[in-house]
Amino acid sequence: IRTERMVGHAASLTPSDIAPMVRLSVQEDG
């Protein structure tokens, strides 16, 4: 765990730098 890198990365983020959460569903299930 590299906390300092996490802190630096978090501080750099703007809303446009954040990808959404993937929402999955099953269409066909074997």
PDB file of all heavy atoms in Angstrom:
ATOM      1  N   ILE A   1       0.851  -1.194   0.000  1.00  0.00           N
ATOM      2  CA  ILE A   1       0.000   0.000   0.000  1.00  0.00           C
ATOM      3  C   ILE A   1       0.884   1.241   0.000  1.00  0.00           C
ATOM      4  O   ILE A   1       1.689   1.441   0.912  1.00  0.00           O
ATOM      5  CB  ILE A   1      -0.930   0.006   1.230  1.00  0.00           C
ATOM      6  CG1 ILE A   1      -1.819  -1.232   1.224  1.00  0.00           C
ATOM      7  CG2 ILE A   1      -1.787   1.270   1.249  1.00  0.00           C
ATOM      8  CD1 ILE A   1      -2.584  -1.431   2.528  1.00  0.00           C
ATOM      9  N   ARG A   2       0.737   2.080  -1.008  1.00  0.00           N
ATOM     10  CA  ARG A   2       1.543   3.300  -1.108  1.00  0.00           C
ATOM     11  C   ARG A   2       0.633   4.503  -0.870  1.00  0.00           C
ATOM     12  O   ARG A   2       0.117   5.128  -1.790  1.00  0.00           O
ATOM     13  CB  ARG A   2       2.241   3.365  -2.461  1.00  0.00           C
ATOM     14  CG  ARG A   2       3.242   2.218  -2.647  1.00  0.00           C
ATOM     15  CD  ARG A   2       4.169   2.433  -3.818  1.00  0.00           C
ATOM     16  NE  ARG A   2       3.494   2.240  -5.097  1.00  0.00           N
ATOM     17  CZ  ARG A   2       4.138   2.233  -6.270  1.00  0.00           C
ATOM     18  NH1 ARG A   2       5.452   2.424  -6.312  1.00  0.00           N
ATOM     19  NH2 ARG A   2       3.464   2.050  -7.396  1.00  0.00           N
ATOM     20  N   THR A   3       0.470   4.806   0.425  1.00  0.00           N
ATOM     21  CA  THR A   3      -0.478   5.841   0.827  1.00  0.00           C
ATOM     22  C   THR A   3      -0.117   7.197   0.251  1.00  0.00           C
ATOM     23  O   THR A   3      -0.998   7.954  -0.197  1.00  0.00           O
ATOM     24  CB  THR A   3      -0.555   5.905   2.359  1.00  0.00           C
ATOM     25  OG1 THR A   3      -0.914   4.627   2.873  1.00  0.00           O
ATOM     26  CG2 THR A   3      -1.572   6.939   2.813  1.00  0.00           C
ATOM     27  N   GLU A   4       1.141   7.539   0.243  1.00  0.00           N
ATOM     28  CA  GLU A   4       1.532   8.865  -0.251  1.00  0.00           C
ATOM     29  C   GLU A   4       1.146   9.029  -1.721  1.00  0.00           C
ATOM     30  O   GLU A   4       0.672  10.091  -2.136  1.00  0.00           O
ATOM     31  CB  GLU A   4       3.029   9.085  -0.067  1.00  0.00           C
ATOM     32  CG  GLU A   4       3.469  10.509  -0.405  1.00  0.00           C
ATOM     33  CD  GLU A   4       4.883  10.811   0.053  1.00  0.00           C
ATOM     34  OE1 GLU A   4       5.611   9.862   0.380  1.00  0.00           O
ATOM     35  OE2 GLU A   4       5.252  11.989   0.094  1.00  0.00           O
ATOM     36  N   ARG A   5       1.333   7.983  -2.511  1.00  0.00           N
ATOM     37  CA  ARG A   5       0.925   8.050  -3.914  1.00  0.00           C
ATOM     38  C   ARG A   5      -0.595   8.161  -4.044  1.00  0.00           C
ATOM     39  O   ARG A   5      -1.104   8.872  -4.932  1.00  0.00           O
ATOM     40  CB  ARG A   5       1.437   6.827  -4.672  1.00  0.00           C
ATOM     41  CG  ARG A   5       2.930   6.856  -4.942  1.00  0.00           C
ATOM     42  CD  ARG A   5       3.378   5.572  -5.610  1.00  0.00           C
ATOM     43  NE  ARG A   5       2.735   5.376  -6.897  1.00  0.00           N
ATOM     44  CZ  ARG A   5       3.336   5.536  -8.072  1.00  0.00           C
ATOM     45  NH1 ARG A   5       4.600   5.926  -8.129  1.00  0.00           N
ATOM     46  NH2 ARG A   5       2.678   5.305  -9.200  1.00  0.00           N
ATOM     47  N   MET A   6      -1.331   7.471  -3.190  1.00  0.00           N
ATOM     48  CA  MET A   6      -2.781   7.589  -3.204  1.00  0.00           C
ATOM     49  C   MET A   6      -3.209   9.025  -2.895  1.00  0.00           C
ATOM     50  O   MET A   6      -4.110   9.571  -3.541  1.00  0.00           O
ATOM     51  CB  MET A   6      -3.407   6.629  -2.201  1.00  0.00           C
ATOM     52  CG  MET A   6      -3.288   5.158  -2.566  1.00  0.00           C
ATOM     53  SD  MET A   6      -3.948   4.049  -1.274  1.00  0.00           S
ATOM     54  CE  MET A   6      -5.678   4.539  -1.224  1.00  0.00           C
ATOM     55  N   VAL A   7      -2.575   9.631  -1.898  1.00  0.00           N
ATOM     56  CA  VAL A   7      -2.905  10.999  -1.503  1.00  0.00           C
ATOM     57  C   VAL A   7      -2.630  11.963  -2.658  1.00  0.00           C
ATOM     58  O   VAL A   7      -3.459  12.824  -2.994  1.00  0.00           O
ATOM     59  CB  VAL A   7      -2.120  11.398  -0.242  1.00  0.00           C
ATOM     60  CG1 VAL A   7      -2.223  12.901   0.018  1.00  0.00           C
ATOM     61  CG2 VAL A   7      -2.629  10.615   0.966  1.00  0.00           C
ATOM     62  N   GLY A   8      -1.462  11.828  -3.276  1.00  0.00           N
ATOM     63  CA  GLY A   8      -1.127  12.707  -4.388  1.00  0.00           C
ATOM     64  C   GLY A   8      -2.092  12.527  -5.559  1.00  0.00           C
ATOM     65  O   GLY A   8      -2.509  13.507  -6.197  1.00  0.00           O
ATOM     66  N   HIS A   9      -2.437  11.287  -5.845  1.00  0.00           N
ATOM     67  CA  HIS A   9      -3.372  10.989  -6.933  1.00  0.00           C
ATOM     68  C   HIS A   9      -4.750  11.569  -6.619  1.00  0.00           C
ATOM     69  O   HIS A   9      -5.390  12.201  -7.474  1.00  0.00           O
ATOM     70  CB  HIS A   9      -3.440   9.479  -7.127  1.00  0.00           C
ATOM     71  CG  HIS A   9      -4.119   9.057  -8.385  1.00  0.00           C
ATOM     72  ND1 HIS A   9      -4.089   7.753  -8.847  1.00  0.00           N
ATOM     73  CD2 HIS A   9      -4.869   9.736  -9.301  1.00  0.00           C
ATOM     74  CE1 HIS A   9      -4.763   7.662  -9.972  1.00  0.00           C
ATOM     75  NE2 HIS A   9      -5.257   8.835 -10.264  1.00  0.00           N
ATOM     76  N   ALA A  10      -5.225  11.369  -5.389  1.00  0.00           N
ATOM     77  CA  ALA A  10      -6.536  11.888  -4.995  1.00  0.00           C
ATOM     78  C   ALA A  10      -6.586  13.401  -5.142  1.00  0.00           C
ATOM     79  O   ALA A  10      -7.577  13.969  -5.624  1.00  0.00           O
ATOM     80  CB  ALA A  10      -6.853  11.473  -3.561  1.00  0.00           C
ATOM     81  N   ALA A  11      -5.520  14.073  -4.716  1.00  0.00           N
ATOM     82  CA  ALA A  11      -5.497  15.539  -4.764  1.00  0.00           C
ATOM     83  C   ALA A  11      -5.536  16.072  -6.192  1.00  0.00           C
ATOM     84  O   ALA A  11      -5.994  17.201  -6.426  1.00  0.00           O
ATOM     85  CB  ALA A  11      -4.245  16.056  -4.057  1.00  0.00           C
ATOM     86  N   SER A  12      -5.078  15.266  -7.150  1.00  0.00           N
ATOM     87  CA  SER A  12      -5.022  15.724  -8.539  1.00  0.00           C
ATOM     88  C   SER A  12      -6.333  15.564  -9.276  1.00  0.00           C
ATOM     89  O   SER A  12      -6.501  16.115 -10.381  1.00  0.00           O
ATOM     90  CB  SER A  12      -3.936  14.951  -9.293  1.00  0.00           C
ATOM     91  OG  SER A  12      -4.346  13.600  -9.543  1.00  0.00           O
ATOM     92  N   LEU A  13      -7.284  14.819  -8.724  1.00  0.00           N
ATOM     93  CA  LEU A  13      -8.495  14.463  -9.456  1.00  0.00           C
ATOM     94  C   LEU A  13      -9.511  15.597  -9.492  1.00  0.00           C
ATOM     95  O   LEU A  13      -9.805  16.232  -8.475  1.00  0.00           O
ATOM     96  CB  LEU A  13      -9.148  13.236  -8.826  1.00  0.00           C
ATOM     97  CG  LEU A  13      -8.395  11.909  -8.924  1.00  0.00           C
ATOM     98  CD1 LEU A  13      -9.131  10.832  -8.145  1.00  0.00           C
ATOM     99  CD2 LEU A  13      -8.206  11.490 -10.375  1.00  0.00           C
ATOM    100  N   THR A  14     -10.056  15.815 -10.680  1.00  0.00           N
ATOM    101  CA  THR A  14     -11.235  16.656 -10.851  1.00  0.00           C
ATOM    102  C   THR A  14     -12.364  15.733 -11.324  1.00  0.00           C
ATOM    103  O   THR A  14     -12.125  14.582 -11.721  1.00  0.00           O
ATOM    104  CB  THR A  14     -10.991  17.746 -11.899  1.00  0.00           C
ATOM    105  OG1 THR A  14     -10.794  17.134 -13.180  1.00  0.00           O
ATOM    106  CG2 THR A  14      -9.742  18.576 -11.544  1.00  0.00           C
ATOM    107  N   PRO A  15     -13.605  16.193 -11.306  1.00  0.00           N
ATOM    108  CA  PRO A  15     -14.687  15.317 -11.778  1.00  0.00           C
ATOM    109  C   PRO A  15     -14.454  14.739 -13.174  1.00  0.00           C
ATOM    110  O   PRO A  15     -14.815  13.590 -13.436  1.00  0.00           O
ATOM    111  CB  PRO A  15     -15.907  16.233 -11.729  1.00  0.00           C
ATOM    112  CG  PRO A  15     -15.623  17.143 -10.574  1.00  0.00           C
ATOM    113  CD  PRO A  15     -14.142  17.416 -10.668  1.00  0.00           C
ATOM    114  N   SER A  16     -13.826  15.491 -14.052  1.00  0.00           N
ATOM    115  CA  SER A  16     -13.599  14.996 -15.412  1.00  0.00           C
ATOM    116  C   SER A  16     -12.536  13.912 -15.464  1.00  0.00           C
ATOM    117  O   SER A  16     -12.377  13.246 -16.491  1.00  0.00           O
ATOM    118  CB  SER A  16     -13.200  16.150 -16.337  1.00  0.00           C
ATOM    119  OG  SER A  16     -11.978  16.734 -15.922  1.00  0.00           O
ATOM    120  N   ASP A  17     -11.793  13.698 -14.370  1.00  0.00           N
ATOM    121  CA  ASP A  17     -10.772  12.646 -14.318  1.00  0.00           C
ATOM    122  C   ASP A  17     -11.310  11.322 -13.777  1.00  0.00           C
ATOM    123  O   ASP A  17     -10.545  10.364 -13.630  1.00  0.00           O
ATOM    124  CB  ASP A  17      -9.615  13.081 -13.407  1.00  0.00           C
ATOM    125  CG  ASP A  17      -8.905  14.313 -13.918  1.00  0.00           C
ATOM    126  OD1 ASP A  17      -8.675  14.398 -15.140  1.00  0.00           O
ATOM    127  OD2 ASP A  17      -8.592  15.200 -13.098  1.00  0.00           O
ATOM    128  N   ILE A  18     -12.599  11.260 -13.477  1.00  0.00           N
ATOM    129  CA  ILE A  18     -13.157  10.094 -12.794  1.00  0.00           C
ATOM    130  C   ILE A  18     -14.061   9.324 -13.739  1.00  0.00           C
ATOM    131  O   ILE A  18     -15.064   9.856 -14.236  1.00  0.00           O
ATOM    132  CB  ILE A  18     -13.923  10.531 -11.535  1.00  0.00           C
ATOM    133  CG1 ILE A  18     -12.946  11.202 -10.558  1.00  0.00           C
ATOM    134  CG2 ILE A  18     -14.613   9.334 -10.879  1.00  0.00           C
ATOM    135  CD1 ILE A  18     -13.610  11.959  -9.455  1.00  0.00           C
ATOM    136  N   ALA A  19     -13.687   8.086 -14.013  1.00  0.00           N
ATOM    137  CA  ALA A  19     -14.519   7.204 -14.837  1.00  0.00           C
ATOM    138  C   ALA A  19     -15.654   6.645 -13.986  1.00  0.00           C
ATOM    139  O   ALA A  19     -15.525   6.492 -12.772  1.00  0.00           O
ATOM    140  CB  ALA A  19     -13.676   6.074 -15.419  1.00  0.00           C
ATOM    141  N   PRO A  20     -16.781   6.323 -14.610  1.00  0.00           N
ATOM    142  CA  PRO A  20     -17.935   5.842 -13.828  1.00  0.00           C
ATOM    143  C   PRO A  20     -17.749   4.412 -13.332  1.00  0.00           C
ATOM    144  O   PRO A  20     -16.833   3.700 -13.740  1.00  0.00           O
ATOM    145  CB  PRO A  20     -19.087   5.926 -14.832  1.00  0.00           C
ATOM    146  CG  PRO A  20     -18.431   5.766 -16.161  1.00  0.00           C
ATOM    147  CD  PRO A  20     -17.092   6.446 -16.038  1.00  0.00           C
ATOM    148  N   MET A  21     -18.651   4.018 -12.456  1.00  0.00           N
ATOM    149  CA  MET A  21     -18.693   2.655 -11.950  1.00  0.00           C
ATOM    150  C   MET A  21     -19.406   1.761 -12.962  1.00  0.00           C
ATOM    151  O   MET A  21     -20.504   2.081 -13.422  1.00  0.00           O
ATOM    152  CB  MET A  21     -19.447   2.624 -10.619  1.00  0.00           C
ATOM    153  CG  MET A  21     -19.536   1.266  -9.958  1.00  0.00           C
ATOM    154  SD  MET A  21     -20.626   1.305  -8.512  1.00  0.00           S
ATOM    155  CE  MET A  21     -22.238   1.336  -9.307  1.00  0.00           C
ATOM    156  N   VAL A  22     -18.783   0.646 -13.340  1.00  0.00           N
ATOM    157  CA  VAL A  22     -19.384  -0.279 -14.294  1.00  0.00           C
ATOM    158  C   VAL A  22     -20.530  -1.040 -13.626  1.00  0.00           C
ATOM    159  O   VAL A  22     -20.353  -1.642 -12.573  1.00  0.00           O
ATOM    160  CB  VAL A  22     -18.337  -1.271 -14.832  1.00  0.00           C
ATOM    161  CG1 VAL A  22     -19.010  -2.312 -15.729  1.00  0.00           C
ATOM    162  CG2 VAL A  22     -17.249  -0.534 -15.596  1.00  0.00           C
ATOM    163  N   ARG A  23     -21.678  -1.023 -14.268  1.00  0.00           N
ATOM    164  CA  ARG A  23     -22.851  -1.774 -13.800  1.00  0.00           C
ATOM    165  C   ARG A  23     -23.109  -2.919 -14.772  1.00  0.00           C
ATOM    166  O   ARG A  23     -23.432  -2.689 -15.940  1.00  0.00           O
ATOM    167  CB  ARG A  23     -24.075  -0.860 -13.701  1.00  0.00           C
ATOM    168  CG  ARG A  23     -23.922   0.242 -12.660  1.00  0.00           C
ATOM    169  CD  ARG A  23     -25.131   1.173 -12.663  1.00  0.00           C
ATOM    170  NE  ARG A  23     -24.961   2.273 -11.741  1.00  0.00           N
ATOM    171  CZ  ARG A  23     -25.387   2.301 -10.478  1.00  0.00           C
ATOM    172  NH1 ARG A  23     -26.031   1.234  -9.998  1.00  0.00           N
ATOM    173  NH2 ARG A  23     -25.197   3.353  -9.703  1.00  0.00           N
ATOM    174  N   LEU A  24     -22.950  -4.131 -14.281  1.00  0.00           N
ATOM    175  CA  LEU A  24     -23.049  -5.315 -15.109  1.00  0.00           C
ATOM    176  C   LEU A  24     -24.425  -5.972 -14.997  1.00  0.00           C
ATOM    177  O   LEU A  24     -25.089  -5.880 -13.960  1.00  0.00           O
ATOM    178  CB  LEU A  24     -21.990  -6.344 -14.701  1.00  0.00           C
ATOM    179  CG  LEU A  24     -20.525  -5.955 -14.891  1.00  0.00           C
ATOM    180  CD1 LEU A  24     -19.626  -6.999 -14.241  1.00  0.00           C
ATOM    181  CD2 LEU A  24     -20.198  -5.812 -16.374  1.00  0.00           C
ATOM    182  N   SER A  25     -24.811  -6.653 -16.056  1.00  0.00           N
ATOM    183  CA  SER A  25     -25.987  -7.513 -16.022  1.00  0.00           C
ATOM    184  C   SER A  25     -25.702  -8.732 -16.893  1.00  0.00           C
ATOM    185  O   SER A  25     -24.870  -8.684 -17.806  1.00  0.00           O
ATOM    186  CB  SER A  25     -27.236  -6.783 -16.512  1.00  0.00           C
ATOM    187  OG  SER A  25     -27.079  -6.370 -17.865  1.00  0.00           O
ATOM    188  N   VAL A  26     -26.407  -9.823 -16.617  1.00  0.00           N
ATOM    189  CA  VAL A  26     -26.227 -11.072 -17.358  1.00  0.00           C
ATOM    190  C   VAL A  26     -27.303 -11.163 -18.430  1.00  0.00           C
ATOM    191  O   VAL A  26     -28.498 -11.147 -18.126  1.00  0.00           O
ATOM    192  CB  VAL A  26     -26.309 -12.288 -16.415  1.00  0.00           C
ATOM    193  CG1 VAL A  26     -26.116 -13.586 -17.196  1.00  0.00           C
ATOM    194  CG2 VAL A  26     -25.276 -12.179 -15.305  1.00  0.00           C
ATOM    195  N   GLN A  27     -26.881 -11.255 -19.694  1.00  0.00           N
ATOM    196  CA  GLN A  27     -27.834 -11.399 -20.795  1.00  0.00           C
ATOM    197  C   GLN A  27     -28.072 -12.859 -21.154  1.00  0.00           C
ATOM    198  O   GLN A  27     -29.191 -13.244 -21.478  1.00  0.00           O
ATOM    199  CB  GLN A  27     -27.327 -10.642 -22.027  1.00  0.00           C
ATOM    200  CG  GLN A  27     -27.354  -9.126 -21.870  1.00  0.00           C
ATOM    201  CD  GLN A  27     -27.045  -8.411 -23.174  1.00  0.00           C
ATOM    202  OE1 GLN A  27     -26.349  -8.928 -24.041  1.00  0.00           O
ATOM    203  NE2 GLN A  27     -27.563  -7.199 -23.305  1.00  0.00           N
ATOM    204  N   GLU A  28     -27.024 -13.667 -21.125  1.00  0.00           N
ATOM    205  CA  GLU A  28     -27.145 -15.105 -21.350  1.00  0.00           C
ATOM    206  C   GLU A  28     -26.283 -15.806 -20.315  1.00  0.00           C
ATOM    207  O   GLU A  28     -25.154 -15.391 -20.075  1.00  0.00           O
ATOM    208  CB  GLU A  28     -26.693 -15.492 -22.758  1.00  0.00           C
ATOM    209  CG  GLU A  28     -27.557 -14.948 -23.868  1.00  0.00           C
ATOM    210  CD  GLU A  28     -27.073 -15.395 -25.241  1.00  0.00           C
ATOM    211  OE1 GLU A  28     -26.197 -16.298 -25.299  1.00  0.00           O
ATOM    212  OE2 GLU A  28     -27.545 -14.849 -26.245  1.00  0.00           O
ATOM    213  N   ASP A  29     -26.823 -16.859 -19.724  1.00  0.00           N
ATOM    214  CA  ASP A  29     -26.114 -17.517 -18.623  1.00  0.00           C
ATOM    215  C   ASP A  29     -26.092 -19.017 -18.840  1.00  0.00           C
ATOM    216  O   ASP A  29     -27.134 -19.685 -18.809  1.00  0.00           O
ATOM    217  CB  ASP A  29     -26.803 -17.191 -17.291  1.00  0.00           C
ATOM    218  CG  ASP A  29     -25.934 -17.498 -16.093  1.00  0.00           C
ATOM    219  OD1 ASP A  29     -24.897 -18.162 -16.267  1.00  0.00           O
ATOM    220  OD2 ASP A  29     -26.285 -17.062 -14.980  1.00  0.00           O
ATOM    221  N   GLY A  30     -24.916 -19.563 -19.075  1.00  0.00           N
ATOM    222  CA  GLY A  30     -24.767 -20.998 -19.227  1.00  0.00           C
ATOM    223  C   GLY A  30     -24.679 -21.739 -17.918  1.00  0.00           C
ATOM    224  O   GLY A  30     -24.566 -22.975 -17.904  1.00  0.00           O
TER     225      GLY A  30
END
